[in-house]
């Protein structure tokens, strides 16, 4: 068995949709009085959707994003922004 590096190829449309969903989830968390950054990070680290409120279907929306793809996009944006 070989250990191969997995490469994700994100399209521009995928990036736009992830940004739209993440922005929507951020706003929903803010509106409910949560610290959105802490809640989103908690979700990303644990994959526990209860970190995200059901308000405005935010929990359903965030689970539509592949976490690995989202983390790749976040790191890429942080480094090459």
Protein backbone atom coordinates (compact mmCIF):
# COMPACT_ATOMS: atom_id res chain seq x y z
CA UNK A 1 0.00 0.00 0.00
CA UNK A 2 1.37 3.37 -1.00
CA UNK A 3 0.95 6.57 0.95
CA UNK A 4 -0.12 9.09 -1.65
CA UNK A 5 -0.69 12.77 -1.15
CA UNK A 6 -4.27 13.75 -1.85
CA UNK A 7 -4.69 16.78 -4.08
CA UNK A 8 -7.89 18.78 -4.09
CA UNK A 9 -8.78 20.69 -7.21
CA UNK A 10 -11.16 23.46 -6.27
CA UNK A 11 -13.02 25.26 -9.00
CA UNK A 12 -13.85 28.94 -8.88
CA UNK A 13 -17.52 28.04 -8.52
CA UNK A 14 -16.73 25.77 -5.55
CA UNK A 15 -14.76 28.54 -3.88
CA UNK A 16 -17.58 31.04 -4.41
CA UNK A 17 -20.17 28.64 -2.99
CA UNK A 18 -18.00 27.88 0.06
CA UNK A 19 -17.55 31.60 0.67
CA UNK A 20 -21.29 32.22 0.34
CA UNK A 21 -22.13 29.43 2.78
CA UNK A 22 -19.41 30.39 5.26
CA UNK A 23 -20.52 34.03 5.19
CA UNK A 24 -24.14 33.01 5.73
CA UNK A 25 -23.20 30.73 8.64
CA UNK A 26 -21.05 33.49 10.14
CA UNK A 27 -23.97 35.95 9.99
CA UNK A 28 -26.39 33.44 11.52
CA UNK A 29 -24.02 32.72 14.40
CA UNK A 30 -23.49 36.46 14.98
CA UNK A 31 -27.22 37.15 14.96
CA UNK A 32 -27.74 34.49 17.64
CA UNK A 33 -25.02 36.04 19.84
CA UNK A 34 -22.34 33.40 19.36
CA UNK A 35 -18.66 34.04 18.62
CA UNK A 36 -18.75 32.89 14.98
CA UNK A 37 -15.01 32.32 14.59
CA UNK A 38 -14.82 30.09 17.67
CA UNK A 39 -17.92 28.15 16.64
CA UNK A 40 -16.73 27.58 13.05
CA UNK A 41 -13.26 26.52 14.24
CA UNK A 42 -14.86 24.15 16.74
CA UNK A 43 -16.89 22.62 13.95
CA UNK A 44 -13.91 22.30 11.63
CA UNK A 45 -11.76 20.62 14.27
CA UNK A 46 -14.39 18.24 15.61
CA UNK A 47 -16.82 17.79 12.70
CA UNK A 48 -19.54 18.15 15.33
CA UNK A 49 -22.35 20.10 13.67
CA UNK A 50 -23.81 21.17 17.03
CA UNK A 51 -21.19 23.95 17.06
CA UNK A 52 -23.36 25.59 14.39
CA UNK A 53 -26.82 26.96 15.12
CA UNK A 54 -29.89 25.70 13.28
CA UNK A 55 -30.96 29.34 12.88
CA UNK A 56 -31.46 30.19 9.17
CA UNK A 57 -30.54 26.57 8.30
CA UNK A 58 -26.88 27.36 9.05
CA UNK A 59 -26.14 23.85 10.33
CA UNK A 60 -27.54 22.26 7.19
CA UNK A 61 -25.61 24.68 4.99
CA UNK A 62 -22.23 24.14 6.64
CA UNK A 63 -22.55 20.37 6.32
CA UNK A 64 -22.89 20.85 2.56
CA UNK A 65 -19.23 21.94 2.43
CA UNK A 66 -16.50 19.30 2.40
CA UNK A 67 -14.39 20.15 5.46
CA UNK A 68 -11.12 19.10 3.82
CA UNK A 69 -11.80 21.35 0.83
CA UNK A 70 -12.76 24.23 3.11
CA UNK A 71 -9.61 23.88 5.21
CA UNK A 72 -7.50 23.74 2.05
CA UNK A 73 -9.13 26.92 0.75
CA UNK A 74 -8.65 28.68 4.10
CA UNK A 75 -4.95 27.79 4.32
CA UNK A 76 -4.36 28.72 0.67
CA UNK A 77 -6.11 32.05 1.18
CA UNK A 78 -4.14 32.71 4.38
CA UNK A 79 -0.81 32.00 2.71
CA UNK A 80 -1.39 33.47 -0.73
CA UNK A 81 -4.44 35.65 -0.06
